[in-house]
Amino acid sequence: MRERLTVYALFGLACAAAAWDVMPHLDLYDVLANHPLALFSTPPVSVVLALALVALFFILPSAMRRIDPNFHMTGMRIALTAATLACVGLVTEIGYVFAVIPGIVAAVLLSQALVGALLRVRAGSGLLDIVPLMIGSMRGSIAMTRTHFVTTFGVVAASLVILLVPFSLVMLTLLILGVRVPPSLVVTTPALFFTFIYFECVRYSLIVRWYRRLAKDVKDVAVAA
């Protein structure tokens, strides 16, 4: 997180500016009472979510450098990240459509696909390599996690709790104060953004460390065989 403090500070100011701009006309009580889901399309929250998505491309390189100190996010890796997240998300959602359990299983088995895909990129890789890289990383993730399924499930669950619990608490604080004291949005909106940034950094650090552990186990097994 410290590597990109200036960028995150600018994003935080953008969140505060969005809250300041909409504050005179936004009635959070009315939104929550009549259209609760519309909360996510209100400028303060929608700006936080949009900037959080952009910030992911700064968070990932910091986490990936725990494995590869020379890792840098390139245009190719940005496209690969978006494609891998979309593909894994689609497979997981299909699993949830049929039943909850297949969705959970897919999420756990493919939990290391993004890290694997990014590490597979080599000099000279282009957009035409995205599909083979995704397929290879998804197969690799399944091979790594199927023999450590229960532990990987615990790591994935813990990583989500690490992010969602504090984020939900700050979101609740934002709503309560926003209804009672609307000007508080100028403070609570960037606080929500920084909460996401900090705990998403922690979450990805945990996932990357687990990937490194799984990769070592797979290598040790291959050597023993």
Protein backbone atom coordinates (compact mmCIF):
# COMPACT_ATOMS: atom_id res chain seq x y z
CA MET A 1 0.00 0.00 0.00
CA ARG A 2 2.86 2.39 0.82
CA GLU A 3 4.19 2.10 -2.74
CA ARG A 4 1.18 3.97 -4.16
CA LEU A 5 0.22 6.34 -1.35
CA THR A 6 0.08 9.35 -3.67
CA VAL A 7 -2.27 7.59 -6.09
CA TYR A 8 -4.50 6.32 -3.29
CA ALA A 9 -4.54 9.81 -1.71
CA LEU A 10 -5.74 11.29 -5.01
CA PHE A 11 -8.42 8.60 -5.27
CA GLY A 12 -9.48 9.40 -1.69
CA LEU A 13 -9.79 13.09 -2.58
CA ALA A 14 -11.92 12.12 -5.59
CA CYS A 15 -14.22 10.17 -3.25
CA ALA A 16 -14.51 13.16 -0.92
CA ALA A 17 -15.17 15.50 -3.85
CA ALA A 18 -17.94 13.22 -5.15
CA ALA A 19 -19.55 13.18 -1.70
CA TRP A 20 -19.26 16.97 -1.39
CA ASP A 21 -20.80 17.52 -4.82
CA VAL A 22 -23.84 15.32 -4.23
CA MET A 23 -24.35 16.03 -0.54
CA PRO A 24 -26.92 18.87 -0.95
CA HIS A 25 -29.30 16.72 -3.04
CA LEU A 26 -28.69 13.21 -1.63
CA ASP A 27 -31.18 11.86 0.91
CA LEU A 28 -29.74 8.57 2.09
CA TYR A 29 -32.76 7.86 4.27
CA ASP A 30 -35.06 8.10 1.25
CA VAL A 31 -32.74 5.89 -0.82
CA LEU A 32 -32.56 3.20 1.87
CA ALA A 33 -36.29 3.33 2.58
CA ASN A 34 -37.46 3.10 -1.03
CA HIS A 35 -34.69 1.61 -3.16
CA PRO A 36 -31.94 0.04 -0.98
CA LEU A 37 -30.03 -1.36 -3.97
CA ALA A 38 -29.94 2.12 -5.51
CA LEU A 39 -27.42 2.96 -2.79
CA PHE A 40 -24.70 1.41 -4.96
CA SER A 41 -25.50 3.78 -7.83
CA THR A 42 -25.37 6.93 -5.69
CA PRO A 43 -22.27 9.01 -6.52
CA PRO A 44 -20.36 8.58 -3.23
CA VAL A 45 -20.65 4.78 -3.16
CA SER A 46 -20.42 4.24 -6.93
CA VAL A 47 -17.25 6.37 -7.08
CA VAL A 48 -15.71 4.32 -4.25
CA LEU A 49 -16.53 1.06 -6.04
CA ALA A 50 -15.23 2.32 -9.40
CA LEU A 51 -11.96 3.60 -7.92
CA ALA A 52 -11.58 0.41 -5.87
CA LEU A 53 -11.71 -1.55 -9.13
CA VAL A 54 -9.04 0.69 -10.66
CA ALA A 55 -6.93 0.41 -7.50
CA LEU A 56 -6.89 -3.37 -7.88
CA PHE A 57 -4.37 -2.93 -10.70
CA PHE A 58 -2.05 -1.16 -8.24
CA ILE A 59 -2.67 -3.61 -5.39
CA LEU A 60 -1.90 -6.72 -7.44
CA PRO A 61 1.68 -5.76 -8.42
CA SER A 62 2.57 -5.05 -4.79
CA ALA A 63 1.33 -8.49 -3.76
CA MET A 64 2.93 -10.24 -6.74
CA ARG A 65 6.36 -8.85 -5.87
CA ARG A 66 6.36 -11.21 -2.89
CA ILE A 67 6.96 -13.94 -5.47
CA ASP A 68 8.69 -12.02 -8.26
CA PRO A 69 10.53 -8.88 -7.03
CA ASN A 70 10.74 -7.61 -10.64
CA PHE A 71 7.02 -7.94 -11.33
CA HIS A 72 5.42 -4.97 -13.13
CA MET A 73 1.86 -4.50 -14.35
CA THR A 74 1.90 -4.10 -18.13
CA GLY A 75 -0.94 -3.55 -20.58
CA MET A 76 -0.86 -7.26 -21.39
CA ARG A 77 -1.15 -8.18 -17.71
CA ILE A 78 -3.99 -5.70 -17.20
CA ALA A 79 -5.92 -7.33 -20.06
CA LEU A 80 -5.08 -10.80 -18.71
CA THR A 81 -6.22 -9.82 -15.20
CA ALA A 82 -9.57 -8.54 -16.48
CA ALA A 83 -10.10 -11.61 -18.67
CA THR A 84 -9.13 -14.08 -15.92
CA LEU A 85 -11.33 -12.42 -13.30
CA ALA A 86 -14.25 -12.40 -15.75
CA CYS A 87 -13.73 -16.04 -16.72
CA VAL A 88 -13.32 -17.31 -13.15
CA GLY A 89 -16.31 -15.22 -12.08
CA LEU A 90 -18.43 -16.68 -14.88
CA VAL A 91 -17.49 -20.27 -14.03
CA THR A 92 -18.18 -19.64 -10.35
CA GLU A 93 -21.54 -18.01 -11.08
CA ILE A 94 -22.57 -20.95 -13.26
CA GLY A 95 -21.75 -23.21 -10.32
CA TYR A 96 -23.94 -21.08 -8.03
CA VAL A 97 -26.82 -21.24 -10.55
CA PHE A 98 -26.94 -25.03 -10.36
CA ALA A 99 -26.39 -25.16 -6.60
CA VAL A 100 -24.36 -23.34 -3.98
CA ILE A 101 -21.86 -26.15 -3.40
CA PRO A 102 -20.56 -26.37 -7.02
CA GLY A 103 -20.04 -22.59 -6.96
CA ILE A 104 -18.00 -22.81 -3.76
CA VAL A 105 -15.96 -25.71 -5.13
CA ALA A 106 -15.23 -23.81 -8.35
CA ALA A 107 -14.25 -20.68 -6.41
CA VAL A 108 -11.78 -22.65 -4.28
CA LEU A 109 -10.29 -24.69 -7.13
CA LEU A 110 -9.80 -21.57 -9.28
CA SER A 111 -8.68 -19.29 -6.45
CA GLN A 112 -5.03 -19.37 -7.60
CA ALA A 113 -5.75 -18.88 -11.32
CA LEU A 114 -5.11 -15.13 -11.41
CA VAL A 115 -1.75 -15.33 -9.67
CA GLY A 116 -0.74 -18.24 -11.91
CA ALA A 117 -1.82 -16.41 -15.05
CA LEU A 118 0.19 -13.29 -14.20
CA LEU A 119 3.30 -15.34 -13.44
CA ARG A 120 2.99 -17.17 -16.76
CA VAL A 121 3.38 -13.99 -18.83
CA ARG A 122 6.73 -13.85 -20.60
CA ALA A 123 8.49 -11.20 -22.65
CA GLY A 124 6.86 -11.03 -26.04
CA SER A 125 3.47 -12.31 -24.83
CA GLY A 126 0.61 -10.62 -26.67
CA LEU A 127 -3.16 -10.45 -26.60
CA LEU A 128 -3.39 -13.68 -28.63
CA ASP A 129 -1.77 -15.49 -25.70
CA ILE A 130 -4.48 -14.50 -23.21
CA VAL A 131 -6.73 -17.51 -23.78
CA PRO A 132 -3.91 -20.12 -23.56
CA LEU A 133 -2.55 -18.37 -20.46
CA MET A 134 -5.98 -18.39 -18.80
CA ILE A 135 -6.59 -22.05 -19.61
CA GLY A 136 -3.13 -23.01 -18.37
CA SER A 137 -3.52 -21.02 -15.15
CA MET A 138 -6.97 -22.48 -14.44
CA ARG A 139 -5.66 -26.01 -14.95
CA GLY A 140 -2.67 -25.18 -12.78
CA SER A 141 -4.87 -23.77 -10.03
CA ILE A 142 -7.01 -26.91 -9.99
CA ALA A 143 -3.91 -29.13 -9.89
CA MET A 144 -2.48 -27.13 -6.97
CA THR A 145 -5.64 -26.84 -4.87
CA ARG A 146 -7.44 -30.16 -5.31
CA THR A 147 -5.07 -31.96 -2.92
CA HIS A 148 -5.23 -29.03 -0.47
CA PHE A 149 -8.90 -28.25 -0.92
CA VAL A 150 -9.94 -27.86 2.73
CA THR A 151 -6.94 -25.67 3.61
CA THR A 152 -7.39 -23.58 0.48
CA PHE A 153 -11.07 -23.16 1.33
CA GLY A 154 -10.00 -21.87 4.75
CA VAL A 155 -7.52 -19.42 3.20
CA VAL A 156 -10.09 -18.13 0.68
CA ALA A 157 -12.77 -17.80 3.38
CA ALA A 158 -10.35 -16.01 5.72
CA SER A 159 -9.28 -13.63 2.95
CA LEU A 160 -12.90 -12.69 2.27
CA VAL A 161 -13.64 -12.18 5.97
CA ILE A 162 -10.54 -9.98 6.27
CA LEU A 163 -11.96 -7.69 3.56
CA LEU A 164 -15.73 -7.86 4.00
CA VAL A 165 -16.05 -7.46 7.78
CA PRO A 166 -14.21 -4.11 8.12
CA PHE A 167 -15.62 -2.88 4.78
CA SER A 168 -19.18 -3.68 5.91
CA LEU A 169 -18.63 -1.99 9.28
CA VAL A 170 -17.35 1.20 7.66
CA MET A 171 -20.20 1.07 5.12
CA LEU A 172 -22.68 0.79 8.00
CA THR A 173 -21.02 3.75 9.72
CA LEU A 174 -21.23 5.74 6.48
CA LEU A 175 -24.97 5.03 6.19
CA ILE A 176 -25.81 5.83 9.81
CA LEU A 177 -23.81 9.06 9.87
CA GLY A 178 -24.89 9.94 6.32
CA VAL A 179 -28.55 9.81 7.34
CA ARG A 180 -28.05 11.74 10.58
CA VAL A 181 -25.24 14.12 9.57
CA PRO A 182 -25.02 14.38 5.73
CA PRO A 183 -21.75 16.41 5.74
CA SER A 184 -20.04 13.39 7.35
CA LEU A 185 -20.05 11.76 3.89
CA VAL A 186 -17.06 13.91 2.97
CA VAL A 187 -15.07 11.98 5.59
CA THR A 188 -16.72 8.55 5.62
CA THR A 189 -16.65 8.10 1.83
CA PRO A 190 -12.83 8.27 1.52
CA ALA A 191 -12.63 6.24 4.75
CA LEU A 192 -14.61 3.51 3.00
CA PHE A 193 -12.23 3.63 0.06
CA PHE A 194 -9.09 3.45 2.23
CA THR A 195 -10.61 0.57 4.21
CA PHE A 196 -11.01 -1.36 0.97
CA ILE A 197 -7.46 -0.55 -0.14
CA TYR A 198 -5.81 -1.59 3.11
CA PHE A 199 -7.66 -4.85 3.61
CA GLU A 200 -7.56 -5.78 -0.07
CA CYS A 201 -3.78 -5.45 0.15
CA VAL A 202 -3.81 -7.77 3.16
CA ARG A 203 -6.16 -10.19 1.36
CA TYR A 204 -4.01 -10.45 -1.76
CA SER A 205 -0.85 -10.82 0.31
CA LEU A 206 -2.46 -13.84 1.97
CA ILE A 207 -3.53 -15.34 -1.37
CA VAL A 208 -0.08 -14.82 -2.93
CA ARG A 209 1.66 -16.37 0.06
CA TRP A 210 -0.65 -19.38 -0.17
CA TYR A 211 0.09 -19.67 -3.89
CA ARG A 212 3.80 -19.73 -3.12
CA ARG A 213 3.24 -22.46 -0.53
CA LEU A 214 1.13 -24.56 -2.94
CA ALA A 215 3.67 -24.12 -5.74
CA LYS A 216 6.46 -25.30 -3.43
CA ASP A 217 4.44 -28.38 -2.44
CA VAL A 218 3.74 -29.22 -6.08
CA LYS A 219 7.44 -28.82 -6.91
CA ASP A 220 8.46 -31.00 -3.95
CA VAL A 221 6.02 -33.71 -5.04
CA ALA A 222 7.35 -33.55 -8.61
CA VAL A 223 10.95 -33.89 -7.34
CA ALA A 224 10.01 -36.80 -5.07
CA ALA A 225 8.25 -38.58 -7.95
